Amino acid sequence: MASLRTEVLSVYRTILRTARTWKSLSASQQETQEEVKYIREEARTLFKKNKYLTDEEQIRQCIREAETRIELAHHYGIPYPRPVNLPPMGLADLRGKGKKLQERLRHQAKPVYLHSHEEIEK
């Protein structure tokens, strides 16, 4: 468990370093400040939300999610979560017979970097 704590703190420091050196794609000072604020607030919110997790697998999943989001932010130059493509029939009427199937397909299609993000917005 101590190694997980070290890993979590390392990821948190990496996120804060990323925010400190972040530059917006447009190079606009205002956009850069907004994106830096978003990075810090998102990290703070998610780390506080998951503060009391004790299951090692859940902690590892959160670490993977954070690392994935860091890599995506560096790669695309955008700190916000990437959009998700819905599976076929993903926009079908939810009142019909296939409601459970549609929910399962949506859940399966959700990438690792959006698990925590979706829960916060609700």
PDB file of N, CA and C in Angstrom:
ATOM      1  N   MET A   1       0.821  -1.195   0.000  1.00  0.00           N
ATOM      2  CA  MET A   1       0.000   0.000   0.000  1.00  0.00           C
ATOM      3  C   MET A   1       0.863   1.258   0.000  1.00  0.00           C
ATOM      4  N   ALA A   2       2.043   1.193   0.623  1.00  0.00           N
ATOM      5  CA  ALA A   2       2.935   2.354   0.666  1.00  0.00           C
ATOM      6  C   ALA A   2       3.434   2.704  -0.733  1.00  0.00           C
ATOM      7  N   SER A   3       3.656   1.677  -1.564  1.00  0.00           N
ATOM      8  CA  SER A   3       4.121   1.945  -2.926  1.00  0.00           C
ATOM      9  C   SER A   3       3.030   2.625  -3.749  1.00  0.00           C
ATOM     10  N   LEU A   4       1.775   2.259  -3.491  1.00  0.00           N
ATOM     11  CA  LEU A   4       0.667   2.918  -4.181  1.00  0.00           C
ATOM     12  C   LEU A   4       0.578   4.382  -3.775  1.00  0.00           C
ATOM     13  N   ARG A   5       0.787   4.649  -2.507  1.00  0.00           N
ATOM     14  CA  ARG A   5       0.765   6.039  -2.034  1.00  0.00           C
ATOM     15  C   ARG A   5       1.834   6.855  -2.747  1.00  0.00           C
ATOM     16  N   THR A   6       3.016   6.298  -2.872  1.00  0.00           N
ATOM     17  CA  THR A   6       4.107   6.972  -3.564  1.00  0.00           C
ATOM     18  C   THR A   6       3.751   7.213  -5.028  1.00  0.00           C
ATOM     19  N   GLU A   7       3.146   6.212  -5.641  1.00  0.00           N
ATOM     20  CA  GLU A   7       2.734   6.330  -7.046  1.00  0.00           C
ATOM     21  C   GLU A   7       1.681   7.422  -7.224  1.00  0.00           C
ATOM     22  N   VAL A   8       0.707   7.454  -6.328  1.00  0.00           N
ATOM     23  CA  VAL A   8      -0.363   8.458  -6.397  1.00  0.00           C
ATOM     24  C   VAL A   8       0.223   9.855  -6.234  1.00  0.00           C
ATOM     25  N   LEU A   9       1.096  10.032  -5.262  1.00  0.00           N
ATOM     26  CA  LEU A   9       1.713  11.344  -5.052  1.00  0.00           C
ATOM     27  C   LEU A   9       2.577  11.758  -6.238  1.00  0.00           C
ATOM     28  N   SER A  10       3.229  10.784  -6.846  1.00  0.00           N
ATOM     29  CA  SER A  10       4.037  11.063  -8.032  1.00  0.00           C
ATOM     30  C   SER A  10       3.170  11.550  -9.190  1.00  0.00           C
ATOM     31  N   VAL A  11       2.030  10.902  -9.396  1.00  0.00           N
ATOM     32  CA  VAL A  11       1.115  11.318 -10.462  1.00  0.00           C
ATOM     33  C   VAL A  11       0.580  12.717 -10.174  1.00  0.00           C
ATOM     34  N   TYR A  12       0.255  12.995  -8.914  1.00  0.00           N
ATOM     35  CA  TYR A  12      -0.255  14.319  -8.544  1.00  0.00           C
ATOM     36  C   TYR A  12       0.802  15.399  -8.819  1.00  0.00           C
ATOM     37  N   ARG A  13       2.042  15.118  -8.460  1.00  0.00           N
ATOM     38  CA  ARG A  13       3.126  16.070  -8.732  1.00  0.00           C
ATOM     39  C   ARG A  13       3.303  16.278 -10.230  1.00  0.00           C
ATOM     40  N   THR A  14       3.192  15.205 -11.006  1.00  0.00           N
ATOM     41  CA  THR A  14       3.315  15.307 -12.461  1.00  0.00           C
ATOM     42  C   THR A  14       2.224  16.208 -13.024  1.00  0.00           C
ATOM     43  N   ILE A  15       1.018  16.062 -12.511  1.00  0.00           N
ATOM     44  CA  ILE A  15      -0.094  16.902 -12.972  1.00  0.00           C
ATOM     45  C   ILE A  15       0.182  18.363 -12.637  1.00  0.00           C
ATOM     46  N   LEU A  16       0.648  18.636 -11.422  1.00  0.00           N
ATOM     47  CA  LEU A  16       0.933  20.019 -11.034  1.00  0.00           C
ATOM     48  C   LEU A  16       2.091  20.602 -11.850  1.00  0.00           C
ATOM     49  N   ARG A  17       3.093  19.793 -12.158  1.00  0.00           N
ATOM     50  CA  ARG A  17       4.189  20.255 -13.029  1.00  0.00           C
ATOM     51  C   ARG A  17       3.676  20.559 -14.429  1.00  0.00           C
ATOM     52  N   THR A  18       2.778  19.718 -14.909  1.00  0.00           N
ATOM     53  CA  THR A  18       2.184  19.940 -16.229  1.00  0.00           C
ATOM     54  C   THR A  18       1.433  21.268 -16.235  1.00  0.00           C
ATOM     55  N   ALA A  19       0.678  21.534 -15.185  1.00  0.00           N
ATOM     56  CA  ALA A  19      -0.068  22.794 -15.100  1.00  0.00           C
ATOM     57  C   ALA A  19       0.883  24.000 -15.056  1.00  0.00           C
ATOM     58  N   ARG A  20       1.986  23.849 -14.362  1.00  0.00           N
ATOM     59  CA  ARG A  20       2.939  24.959 -14.235  1.00  0.00           C
ATOM     60  C   ARG A  20       3.581  25.323 -15.574  1.00  0.00           C
ATOM     61  N   THR A  21       3.790  24.327 -16.426  1.00  0.00           N
ATOM     62  CA  THR A  21       4.471  24.581 -17.701  1.00  0.00           C
ATOM     63  C   THR A  21       3.518  24.584 -18.889  1.00  0.00           C
ATOM     64  N   TRP A  22       2.222  24.540 -18.647  1.00  0.00           N
ATOM     65  CA  TRP A  22       1.231  24.415 -19.715  1.00  0.00           C
ATOM     66  C   TRP A  22       1.163  25.670 -20.577  1.00  0.00           C
ATOM     67  N   LYS A  23       1.087  25.480 -21.893  1.00  0.00           N
ATOM     68  CA  LYS A  23       0.869  26.556 -22.860  1.00  0.00           C
ATOM     69  C   LYS A  23      -0.303  26.164 -23.741  1.00  0.00           C
ATOM     70  N   SER A  24      -1.225  27.082 -23.922  1.00  0.00           N
ATOM     71  CA  SER A  24      -2.390  26.847 -24.767  1.00  0.00           C
ATOM     72  C   SER A  24      -1.958  26.723 -26.221  1.00  0.00           C
ATOM     73  N   LEU A  25      -2.707  25.981 -27.015  1.00  0.00           N
ATOM     74  CA  LEU A  25      -2.399  25.848 -28.445  1.00  0.00           C
ATOM     75  C   LEU A  25      -2.461  27.183 -29.166  1.00  0.00           C
ATOM     76  N   SER A  26      -3.361  28.048 -28.732  1.00  0.00           N
ATOM     77  CA  SER A  26      -3.505  29.352 -29.378  1.00  0.00           C
ATOM     78  C   SER A  26      -2.464  30.343 -28.881  1.00  0.00           C
ATOM     79  N   ALA A  27      -1.722  30.000 -27.853  1.00  0.00           N
ATOM     80  CA  ALA A  27      -0.704  30.850 -27.232  1.00  0.00           C
ATOM     81  C   ALA A  27      -1.306  32.102 -26.607  1.00  0.00           C
ATOM     82  N   SER A  28      -2.598  32.125 -26.456  1.00  0.00           N
ATOM     83  CA  SER A  28      -3.279  33.243 -25.809  1.00  0.00           C
ATOM     84  C   SER A  28      -3.071  33.124 -24.302  1.00  0.00           C
ATOM     85  N   GLN A  29      -2.689  34.230 -23.687  1.00  0.00           N
ATOM     86  CA  GLN A  29      -2.447  34.223 -22.246  1.00  0.00           C
ATOM     87  C   GLN A  29      -3.717  33.876 -21.474  1.00  0.00           C
ATOM     88  N   GLN A  30      -4.846  34.400 -21.915  1.00  0.00           N
ATOM     89  CA  GLN A  30      -6.114  34.144 -21.233  1.00  0.00           C
ATOM     90  C   GLN A  30      -6.505  32.670 -21.330  1.00  0.00           C
ATOM     91  N   GLU A  31      -6.396  32.082 -22.525  1.00  0.00           N
ATOM     92  CA  GLU A  31      -6.723  30.657 -22.685  1.00  0.00           C
ATOM     93  C   GLU A  31      -5.771  29.788 -21.881  1.00  0.00           C
ATOM     94  N   THR A  32      -4.501  30.154 -21.864  1.00  0.00           N
ATOM     95  CA  THR A  32      -3.528  29.393 -21.084  1.00  0.00           C
ATOM     96  C   THR A  32      -3.905  29.406 -19.613  1.00  0.00           C
ATOM     97  N   GLN A  33      -4.281  30.559 -19.089  1.00  0.00           N
ATOM     98  CA  GLN A  33      -4.672  30.655 -17.682  1.00  0.00           C
ATOM     99  C   GLN A  33      -5.926  29.840 -17.386  1.00  0.00           C
ATOM    100  N   GLU A  34      -6.890  29.866 -18.308  1.00  0.00           N
ATOM    101  CA  GLU A  34      -8.112  29.083 -18.117  1.00  0.00           C
ATOM    102  C   GLU A  34      -7.806  27.585 -18.102  1.00  0.00           C
ATOM    103  N   GLU A  35      -6.944  27.148 -19.015  1.00  0.00           N
ATOM    104  CA  GLU A  35      -6.605  25.728 -19.082  1.00  0.00           C
ATOM    105  C   GLU A  35      -5.792  25.294 -17.870  1.00  0.00           C
ATOM    106  N   VAL A  36      -4.882  26.135 -17.402  1.00  0.00           N
ATOM    107  CA  VAL A  36      -4.103  25.819 -16.197  1.00  0.00           C
ATOM    108  C   VAL A  36      -5.042  25.701 -14.996  1.00  0.00           C
ATOM    109  N   LYS A  37      -5.995  26.628 -14.901  1.00  0.00           N
ATOM    110  CA  LYS A  37      -6.973  26.580 -13.810  1.00  0.00           C
ATOM    111  C   LYS A  37      -7.781  25.290 -13.889  1.00  0.00           C
ATOM    112  N   TYR A  38      -8.192  24.907 -15.104  1.00  0.00           N
ATOM    113  CA  TYR A  38      -8.955  23.671 -15.277  1.00  0.00           C
ATOM    114  C   TYR A  38      -8.131  22.460 -14.834  1.00  0.00           C
ATOM    115  N   ILE A  39      -6.878  22.397 -15.247  1.00  0.00           N
ATOM    116  CA  ILE A  39      -6.011  21.257 -14.887  1.00  0.00           C
ATOM    117  C   ILE A  39      -5.911  21.133 -13.368  1.00  0.00           C
ATOM    118  N   ARG A  40      -5.638  22.237 -12.697  1.00  0.00           N
ATOM    119  CA  ARG A  40      -5.481  22.201 -11.235  1.00  0.00           C
ATOM    120  C   ARG A  40      -6.788  21.833 -10.525  1.00  0.00           C
ATOM    121  N   GLU A  41      -7.893  22.453 -10.943  1.00  0.00           N
ATOM    122  CA  GLU A  41      -9.176  22.165 -10.291  1.00  0.00           C
ATOM    123  C   GLU A  41      -9.630  20.734 -10.536  1.00  0.00           C
ATOM    124  N   GLU A  42      -9.434  20.242 -11.756  1.00  0.00           N
ATOM    125  CA  GLU A  42      -9.813  18.862 -12.081  1.00  0.00           C
ATOM    126  C   GLU A  42      -8.999  17.879 -11.240  1.00  0.00           C
ATOM    127  N   ALA A  43      -7.696  18.126 -11.133  1.00  0.00           N
ATOM    128  CA  ALA A  43      -6.839  17.247 -10.331  1.00  0.00           C
ATOM    129  C   ALA A  43      -7.270  17.284  -8.867  1.00  0.00           C
ATOM    130  N   ARG A  44      -7.470  18.473  -8.345  1.00  0.00           N
ATOM    131  CA  ARG A  44      -7.858  18.614  -6.941  1.00  0.00           C
ATOM    132  C   ARG A  44      -9.187  17.900  -6.673  1.00  0.00           C
ATOM    133  N   THR A  45     -10.154  18.097  -7.555  1.00  0.00           N
ATOM    134  CA  THR A  45     -11.471  17.487  -7.379  1.00  0.00           C
ATOM    135  C   THR A  45     -11.396  15.965  -7.398  1.00  0.00           C
ATOM    136  N   LEU A  46     -10.701  15.416  -8.396  1.00  0.00           N
ATOM    137  CA  LEU A  46     -10.638  13.959  -8.519  1.00  0.00           C
ATOM    138  C   LEU A  46      -9.820  13.319  -7.404  1.00  0.00           C
ATOM    139  N   PHE A  47      -8.727  13.963  -7.000  1.00  0.00           N
ATOM    140  CA  PHE A  47      -7.923  13.382  -5.932  1.00  0.00           C
ATOM    141  C   PHE A  47      -8.669  13.442  -4.599  1.00  0.00           C
ATOM    142  N   LYS A  48      -9.409  14.522  -4.346  1.00  0.00           N
ATOM    143  CA  LYS A  48     -10.204  14.588  -3.115  1.00  0.00           C
ATOM    144  C   LYS A  48     -11.325  13.559  -3.137  1.00  0.00           C
ATOM    145  N   LYS A  49     -11.945  13.400  -4.305  1.00  0.00           N
ATOM    146  CA  LYS A  49     -13.042  12.438  -4.435  1.00  0.00           C
ATOM    147  C   LYS A  49     -12.568  11.018  -4.145  1.00  0.00           C
ATOM    148  N   ASN A  50     -11.365  10.697  -4.587  1.00  0.00           N
ATOM    149  CA  ASN A  50     -10.844   9.332  -4.450  1.00  0.00           C
ATOM    150  C   ASN A  50      -9.921   9.170  -3.239  1.00  0.00           C
ATOM    151  N   LYS A  51      -9.932  10.122  -2.362  1.00  0.00           N
ATOM    152  CA  LYS A  51      -9.041  10.126  -1.202  1.00  0.00           C
ATOM    153  C   LYS A  51      -9.202   8.895  -0.312  1.00  0.00           C
ATOM    154  N   TYR A  52     -10.411   8.406  -0.195  1.00  0.00           N
ATOM    155  CA  TYR A  52     -10.675   7.316   0.743  1.00  0.00           C
ATOM    156  C   TYR A  52     -10.760   5.938   0.086  1.00  0.00           C
ATOM    157  N   LEU A  53     -10.313   5.815  -1.143  1.00  0.00           N
ATOM    158  CA  LEU A  53     -10.295   4.501  -1.797  1.00  0.00           C
ATOM    159  C   LEU A  53      -9.309   3.592  -1.075  1.00  0.00           C
ATOM    160  N   THR A  54      -9.713   2.333  -0.869  1.00  0.00           N
ATOM    161  CA  THR A  54      -8.819   1.382  -0.210  1.00  0.00           C
ATOM    162  C   THR A  54      -8.530   0.169  -1.087  1.00  0.00           C
ATOM    163  N   ASP A  55      -9.378  -0.090  -2.061  1.00  0.00           N
ATOM    164  CA  ASP A  55      -9.181  -1.225  -2.948  1.00  0.00           C
ATOM    165  C   ASP A  55      -8.022  -0.925  -3.907  1.00  0.00           C
ATOM    166  N   GLU A  56      -7.007  -1.770  -3.890  1.00  0.00           N
ATOM    167  CA  GLU A  56      -5.809  -1.534  -4.701  1.00  0.00           C
ATOM    168  C   GLU A  56      -6.118  -1.486  -6.190  1.00  0.00           C
ATOM    169  N   GLU A  57      -7.036  -2.313  -6.652  1.00  0.00           N
ATOM    170  CA  GLU A  57      -7.367  -2.326  -8.080  1.00  0.00           C
ATOM    171  C   GLU A  57      -8.025  -1.014  -8.490  1.00  0.00           C
ATOM    172  N   GLN A  58      -8.901  -0.476  -7.664  1.00  0.00           N
ATOM    173  CA  GLN A  58      -9.527   0.812  -7.965  1.00  0.00           C
ATOM    174  C   GLN A  58      -8.494   1.936  -7.975  1.00  0.00           C
ATOM    175  N   ILE A  59      -7.557   1.885  -7.050  1.00  0.00           N
ATOM    176  CA  ILE A  59      -6.500   2.900  -6.997  1.00  0.00           C
ATOM    177  C   ILE A  59      -5.646   2.815  -8.252  1.00  0.00           C
ATOM    178  N   ARG A  60      -5.293   1.597  -8.655  1.00  0.00           N
ATOM    179  CA  ARG A  60      -4.491   1.432  -9.878  1.00  0.00           C
ATOM    180  C   ARG A  60      -5.251   1.928 -11.106  1.00  0.00           C
ATOM    181  N   GLN A  61      -6.561   1.698 -11.139  1.00  0.00           N
ATOM    182  CA  GLN A  61      -7.372   2.177 -12.263  1.00  0.00           C
ATOM    183  C   GLN A  61      -7.358   3.710 -12.303  1.00  0.00           C
ATOM    184  N   CYS A  62      -7.456   4.347 -11.155  1.00  0.00           N
ATOM    185  CA  CYS A  62      -7.411   5.813 -11.104  1.00  0.00           C
ATOM    186  C   CYS A  62      -6.045   6.339 -11.546  1.00  0.00           C
ATOM    187  N   ILE A  63      -4.986   5.641 -11.163  1.00  0.00           N
ATOM    188  CA  ILE A  63      -3.639   6.030 -11.589  1.00  0.00           C
ATOM    189  C   ILE A  63      -3.516   5.910 -13.105  1.00  0.00           C
ATOM    190  N   ARG A  64      -4.024   4.802 -13.673  1.00  0.00           N
ATOM    191  CA  ARG A  64      -3.986   4.620 -15.132  1.00  0.00           C
ATOM    192  C   ARG A  64      -4.765   5.725 -15.836  1.00  0.00           C
ATOM    193  N   GLU A  65      -5.908   6.056 -15.262  1.00  0.00           N
ATOM    194  CA  GLU A  65      -6.728   7.112 -15.851  1.00  0.00           C
ATOM    195  C   GLU A  65      -5.972   8.447 -15.850  1.00  0.00           C
ATOM    196  N   ALA A  66      -5.364   8.785 -14.733  1.00  0.00           N
ATOM    197  CA  ALA A  66      -4.622  10.046 -14.639  1.00  0.00           C
ATOM    198  C   ALA A  66      -3.454  10.072 -15.620  1.00  0.00           C
ATOM    199  N   GLU A  67      -2.703   8.976 -15.695  1.00  0.00           N
ATOM    200  CA  GLU A  67      -1.568   8.915 -16.625  1.00  0.00           C
ATOM    201  C   GLU A  67      -2.033   9.033 -18.076  1.00  0.00           C
ATOM    202  N   THR A  68      -3.153   8.393 -18.393  1.00  0.00           N
ATOM    203  CA  THR A  68      -3.694   8.462 -19.747  1.00  0.00           C
ATOM    204  C   THR A  68      -4.103   9.882 -20.088  1.00  0.00           C
ATOM    205  N   ARG A  69      -4.769  10.549 -19.152  1.00  0.00           N
ATOM    206  CA  ARG A  69      -5.191  11.926 -19.405  1.00  0.00           C
ATOM    207  C   ARG A  69      -3.998  12.862 -19.552  1.00  0.00           C
ATOM    208  N   ILE A  70      -2.926  12.628 -18.801  1.00  0.00           N
ATOM    209  CA  ILE A  70      -1.721  13.443 -18.940  1.00  0.00           C
ATOM    210  C   ILE A  70      -1.131  13.257 -20.334  1.00  0.00           C
ATOM    211  N   GLU A  71      -1.019  12.005 -20.759  1.00  0.00           N
ATOM    212  CA  GLU A  71      -0.459  11.719 -22.090  1.00  0.00           C
ATOM    213  C   GLU A  71      -1.314  12.319 -23.202  1.00  0.00           C
ATOM    214  N   LEU A  72      -2.637  12.206 -23.084  1.00  0.00           N
ATOM    215  CA  LEU A  72      -3.526  12.784 -24.096  1.00  0.00           C
ATOM    216  C   LEU A  72      -3.401  14.305 -24.127  1.00  0.00           C
ATOM    217  N   ALA A  73      -3.295  14.919 -22.961  1.00  0.00           N
ATOM    218  CA  ALA A  73      -3.159  16.376 -22.899  1.00  0.00           C
ATOM    219  C   ALA A  73      -1.870  16.817 -23.578  1.00  0.00           C
ATOM    220  N   HIS A  74      -0.779  16.115 -23.319  1.00  0.00           N
ATOM    221  CA  HIS A  74       0.488  16.456 -23.973  1.00  0.00           C
ATOM    222  C   HIS A  74       0.425  16.204 -25.476  1.00  0.00           C
ATOM    223  N   HIS A  75      -0.164  15.116 -25.865  1.00  0.00           N
ATOM    224  CA  HIS A  75      -0.209  14.751 -27.284  1.00  0.00           C
ATOM    225  C   HIS A  75      -1.061  15.724 -28.105  1.00  0.00           C
ATOM    226  N   TYR A  76      -2.271  16.008 -27.618  1.00  0.00           N
ATOM    227  CA  TYR A  76      -3.189  16.856 -28.374  1.00  0.00           C
ATOM    228  C   TYR A  76      -3.063  18.341 -28.029  1.00  0.00           C
ATOM    229  N   GLY A  77      -2.419  18.650 -26.915  1.00  0.00           N
ATOM    230  CA  GLY A  77      -2.298  20.037 -26.499  1.00  0.00           C
ATOM    231  C   GLY A  77      -3.591  20.594 -25.927  1.00  0.00           C
ATOM    232  N   ILE A  78      -4.482  19.701 -25.498  1.00  0.00           N
ATOM    233  CA  ILE A  78      -5.777  20.097 -24.955  1.00  0.00           C
ATOM    234  C   ILE A  78      -5.968  19.362 -23.621  1.00  0.00           C
ATOM    235  N   PRO A  79      -6.186  20.087 -22.533  1.00  0.00           N
ATOM    236  CA  PRO A  79      -6.311  19.421 -21.233  1.00  0.00           C
ATOM    237  C   PRO A  79      -7.677  18.783 -20.982  1.00  0.00           C
ATOM    238  N   TYR A  80      -8.652  19.117 -21.801  1.00  0.00           N
ATOM    239  CA  TYR A  80     -10.006  18.617 -21.583  1.00  0.00           C
ATOM    240  C   TYR A  80     -10.131  17.181 -22.087  1.00  0.00           C
ATOM    241  N   PRO A  81     -11.061  16.400 -21.523  1.00  0.00           N
ATOM    242  CA  PRO A  81     -11.250  15.015 -21.985  1.00  0.00           C
ATOM    243  C   PRO A  81     -11.645  14.970 -23.455  1.00  0.00           C
ATOM    244  N   ARG A  82     -11.156  13.973 -24.139  1.00  0.00           N
ATOM    245  CA  ARG A  82     -11.462  13.794 -25.556  1.00  0.00           C
ATOM    246  C   ARG A  82     -12.886  13.274 -25.719  1.00  0.00           C
ATOM    247  N   PRO A  83     -13.557  13.635 -26.812  1.00  0.00           N
ATOM    248  CA  PRO A  83     -14.910  13.117 -27.043  1.00  0.00           C
ATOM    249  C   PRO A  83     -14.907  11.606 -27.277  1.00  0.00           C
ATOM    250  N   VAL A  84     -16.045  11.004 -27.041  1.00  0.00           N
ATOM    251  CA  VAL A  84     -16.184   9.556 -27.172  1.00  0.00           C
ATOM    252  C   VAL A  84     -17.105   9.253 -28.345  1.00  0.00           C
ATOM    253  N   ASN A  85     -16.740   8.273 -29.135  1.00  0.00           N
ATOM    254  CA  ASN A  85     -17.629   7.798 -30.189  1.00  0.00           C
ATOM    255  C   ASN A  85     -18.588   6.786 -29.588  1.00  0.00           C
ATOM    256  N   LEU A  86     -19.862   6.990 -29.839  1.00  0.00           N
ATOM    257  CA  LEU A  86     -20.858   6.047 -29.327  1.00  0.00           C
ATOM    258  C   LEU A  86     -20.876   4.786 -30.178  1.00  0.00           C
ATOM    259  N   PRO A  87     -21.175   3.659 -29.573  1.00  0.00           N
ATOM    260  CA  PRO A  87     -21.272   2.424 -30.339  1.00  0.00           C
ATOM    261  C   PRO A  87     -22.479   2.483 -31.277  1.00  0.00           C
ATOM    262  N   PRO A  88     -22.530   1.591 -32.263  1.00  0.00           N
ATOM    263  CA  PRO A  88     -23.699   1.564 -33.155  1.00  0.00           C
ATOM    264  C   PRO A  88     -24.987   1.454 -32.342  1.00  0.00           C
ATOM    265  N   MET A  89     -26.001   2.148 -32.768  1.00  0.00           N
ATOM    266  CA  MET A  89     -27.299   2.181 -32.094  1.00  0.00           C
ATOM    267  C   MET A  89     -27.195   2.883 -30.737  1.00  0.00           C
ATOM    268  N   GLY A  90     -26.164   3.664 -30.512  1.00  0.00           N
ATOM    269  CA  GLY A  90     -25.957   4.322 -29.234  1.00  0.00           C
ATOM    270  C   GLY A  90     -26.943   5.433 -28.951  1.00  0.00           C
ATOM    271  N   LEU A  91     -27.590   5.940 -29.975  1.00  0.00           N
ATOM    272  CA  LEU A  91     -28.544   7.021 -29.772  1.00  0.00           C
ATOM    273  C   LEU A  91     -29.987   6.556 -29.942  1.00  0.00           C
ATOM    274  N   ALA A  92     -30.215   5.280 -29.816  1.00  0.00           N
ATOM    275  CA  ALA A  92     -31.574   4.749 -29.954  1.00  0.00           C
ATOM    276  C   ALA A  92     -32.438   5.251 -28.808  1.00  0.00           C
ATOM    277  N   ASP A  93     -33.748   5.194 -29.012  1.00  0.00           N
ATOM    278  CA  ASP A  93     -34.707   5.629 -28.003  1.00  0.00           C
ATOM    279  C   ASP A  93     -34.516   4.798 -26.733  1.00  0.00           C
ATOM    280  N   LEU A  94     -34.293   5.453 -25.610  1.00  0.00           N
ATOM    281  CA  LEU A  94     -34.023   4.751 -24.352  1.00  0.00           C
ATOM    282  C   LEU A  94     -35.275   4.186 -23.694  1.00  0.00           C
ATOM    283  N   ARG A  95     -36.459   4.459 -24.230  1.00  0.00           N
ATOM    284  CA  ARG A  95     -37.685   3.932 -23.632  1.00  0.00           C
ATOM    285  C   ARG A  95     -38.043   2.550 -24.181  1.00  0.00           C
ATOM    286  N   GLY A  96     -37.349   2.131 -25.206  1.00  0.00           N
ATOM    287  CA  GLY A  96     -37.673   0.868 -25.851  1.00  0.00           C
ATOM    288  C   GLY A  96     -37.124  -0.338 -25.112  1.00  0.00           C
ATOM    289  N   LYS A  97     -37.233  -1.503 -25.759  1.00  0.00           N
ATOM    290  CA  LYS A  97     -36.795  -2.774 -25.174  1.00  0.00           C
ATOM    291  C   LYS A  97     -35.290  -2.813 -24.937  1.00  0.00           C
ATOM    292  N   GLY A  98     -34.538  -2.197 -25.816  1.00  0.00           N
ATOM    293  CA  GLY A  98     -33.081  -2.325 -25.765  1.00  0.00           C
ATOM    294  C   GLY A  98     -32.393  -1.381 -24.814  1.00  0.00           C
ATOM    295  N   LYS A  99     -33.094  -0.862 -23.825  1.00  0.00           N
ATOM    296  CA  LYS A  99     -32.496   0.119 -22.920  1.00  0.00           C
ATOM    297  C   LYS A  99     -31.285  -0.446 -22.176  1.00  0.00           C
ATOM    298  N   LYS A 100     -31.410  -1.634 -21.625  1.00  0.00           N
ATOM    299  CA  LYS A 100     -30.295  -2.225 -20.882  1.00  0.00           C
ATOM    300  C   LYS A 100     -29.125  -2.515 -21.808  1.00  0.00           C
ATOM    301  N   LEU A 101     -29.425  -2.986 -23.004  1.00  0.00           N
ATOM    302  CA  LEU A 101     -28.375  -3.256 -23.979  1.00  0.00           C
ATOM    303  C   LEU A 101     -27.649  -1.969 -24.342  1.00  0.00           C
ATOM    304  N   GLN A 102     -28.401  -0.893 -24.571  1.00  0.00           N
ATOM    305  CA  GLN A 102     -27.797   0.386 -24.921  1.00  0.00           C
ATOM    306  C   GLN A 102     -26.921   0.915 -23.784  1.00  0.00           C
ATOM    307  N   GLU A 103     -27.387   0.783 -22.549  1.00  0.00           N
ATOM    308  CA  GLU A 103     -26.596   1.223 -21.402  1.00  0.00           C
ATOM    309  C   GLU A 103     -25.306   0.424 -21.295  1.00  0.00           C
ATOM    310  N   ARG A 104     -25.388  -0.870 -21.528  1.00  0.00           N
ATOM    311  CA  ARG A 104     -24.203  -1.722 -21.467  1.00  0.00           C
ATOM    312  C   ARG A 104     -23.214  -1.341 -22.571  1.00  0.00           C
ATOM    313  N   LEU A 105     -23.719  -1.092 -23.775  1.00  0.00           N
ATOM    314  CA  LEU A 105     -22.843  -0.681 -24.879  1.00  0.00           C
ATOM    315  C   LEU A 105     -22.160   0.650 -24.585  1.00  0.00           C
ATOM    316  N   ARG A 106     -22.896   1.581 -24.023  1.00  0.00           N
ATOM    317  CA  ARG A 106     -22.302   2.881 -23.671  1.00  0.00           C
ATOM    318  C   ARG A 106     -21.212   2.705 -22.622  1.00  0.00           C
ATOM    319  N   HIS A 107     -21.492   1.862 -21.621  1.00  0.00           N
ATOM    320  CA  HIS A 107     -20.502   1.629 -20.566  1.00  0.00           C
ATOM    321  C   HIS A 107     -19.235   0.987 -21.127  1.00  0.00           C
ATOM    322  N   GLN A 108     -19.396   0.040 -22.028  1.00  0.00           N
ATOM    323  CA  GLN A 108     -18.251  -0.636 -22.632  1.00  0.00           C
ATOM    324  C   GLN A 108     -17.453   0.300 -23.528  1.00  0.00           C
ATOM    325  N   ALA A 109     -18.108   1.272 -24.123  1.00  0.00           N
ATOM    326  CA  ALA A 109     -17.445   2.174 -25.051  1.00  0.00           C
ATOM    327  C   ALA A 109     -16.702   3.306 -24.339  1.00  0.00           C
ATOM    328  N   LYS A 110     -16.944   3.484 -23.052  1.00  0.00           N
ATOM    329  CA  LYS A 110     -16.315   4.589 -22.329  1.00  0.00           C
ATOM    330  C   LYS A 110     -14.831   4.293 -22.109  1.00  0.00           C
ATOM    331  N   PRO A 111     -13.943   5.149 -22.612  1.00  0.00           N
ATOM    332  CA  PRO A 111     -12.511   4.908 -22.441  1.00  0.00           C
ATOM    333  C   PRO A 111     -12.059   5.133 -21.000  1.00  0.00           C
ATOM    334  N   VAL A 112     -10.876   4.642 -20.680  1.00  0.00           N
ATOM    335  CA  VAL A 112     -10.364   4.684 -19.314  1.00  0.00           C
ATOM    336  C   VAL A 112     -10.221   6.114 -18.814  1.00  0.00           C
ATOM    337  N   TYR A 113      -9.935   7.054 -19.689  1.00  0.00           N
ATOM    338  CA  TYR A 113      -9.688   8.415 -19.230  1.00  0.00           C
ATOM    339  C   TYR A 113     -10.958   9.199 -18.919  1.00  0.00           C
ATOM    340  N   LEU A 114     -12.115   8.598 -19.072  1.00  0.00           N
ATOM    341  CA  LEU A 114     -13.370   9.298 -18.786  1.00  0.00           C
ATOM    342  C   LEU A 114     -14.155   8.730 -17.615  1.00  0.00           C
ATOM    343  N   HIS A 115     -13.669   7.700 -16.971  1.00  0.00           N
ATOM    344  CA  HIS A 115     -14.442   7.080 -15.885  1.00  0.00           C
ATOM    345  C   HIS A 115     -14.750   8.072 -14.771  1.00  0.00           C
ATOM    346  N   SER A 116     -13.786   8.774 -14.265  1.00  0.00           N
ATOM    347  CA  SER A 116     -14.022   9.725 -13.178  1.00  0.00           C
ATOM    348  C   SER A 116     -14.727  10.965 -13.666  1.00  0.00           C
ATOM    349  N   HIS A 117     -14.442  11.400 -14.864  1.00  0.00           N
ATOM    350  CA  HIS A 117     -15.030  12.619 -15.397  1.00  0.00           C
ATOM    351  C   HIS A 117     -16.535  12.515 -15.500  1.00  0.00           C
ATOM    352  N   GLU A 118     -17.045  11.405 -15.965  1.00  0.00           N
ATOM    353  CA  GLU A 118     -18.487  11.223 -16.123  1.00  0.00           C
ATOM    354  C   GLU A 118     -19.191  11.243 -14.768  1.00  0.00           C
ATOM    355  N   GLU A 119     -18.570  10.694 -13.749  1.00  0.00           N
ATOM    356  CA  GLU A 119     -19.213  10.616 -12.438  1.00  0.00           C
ATOM    357  C   GLU A 119     -19.320  11.992 -11.800  1.00  0.00           C
ATOM    358  N   ILE A 120     -18.402  12.898 -12.065  1.00  0.00           N
ATOM    359  CA  ILE A 120     -18.405  14.230 -11.475  1.00  0.00           C
ATOM    360  C   ILE A 120     -19.522  15.078 -12.038  1.00  0.00           C
ATOM    361  N   GLU A 121     -19.754  14.988 -13.338  1.00  0.00           N
ATOM    362  CA  GLU A 121     -20.738  15.824 -14.012  1.00  0.00           C
ATOM    363  C   GLU A 121     -22.162  15.521 -13.585  1.00  0.00           C
ATOM    364  N   LYS A 122     -22.454  14.339 -13.122  1.00  0.00           N
ATOM    365  CA  LYS A 122     -23.827  13.960 -12.784  1.00  0.00           C
ATOM    366  C   LYS A 122     -24.293  14.597 -11.506  1.00  0.00           C
TER     367      LYS A 122
END
